[in-house]
């Protein structure tokens, strides 16, 4: 685990660097470490992490302007699973998920996964899948993936979460 990095520090990394950081991350034994309302930030999108397109992504990912602002989480089962939704600016929650510790679809090692493929979601939401690992105390980096029509996963980008230490 990389120490003393904030989400703002991590936001300066490109897609490949975020992948290395993620691969070296760890998974806490208990999901309570995330808190009830971890704050989020989009970090990089595949093919949009250099040049003018990266500047545009970073501009709209800035927490002062971003539409997605984090996750809401309710942990059960002795901290091993839970459920939640994505928090959007203006108080709206969308795309409910089930969260658990499971094998990563990127590398097969443990990750905290946010699985949207359930009856409580619409057809778009069911195609989403996120997974995260802790890269610094209270700081997590995760993959945004999308299920294609061929039932495979495409890695679209990276996002970050900062634990809600107040809950």
Foldseek 3Di string as FASTA:
>chain_A
DDADDDVVNQLLDEFVVLVVLQVPFAADPFQCLQPFWWWKFFRYWVPQCDDPSVVVNVVQRPCVRDQFTTKGWDADDRRFKTKTFTAGPPGDTAQIWIWGWAADPVPGDTWIKTQRQDPVHDPQSNQWIKTWGDNYRQKIKMWIWGQDPVRDIDTTGMMMTGGPPVD
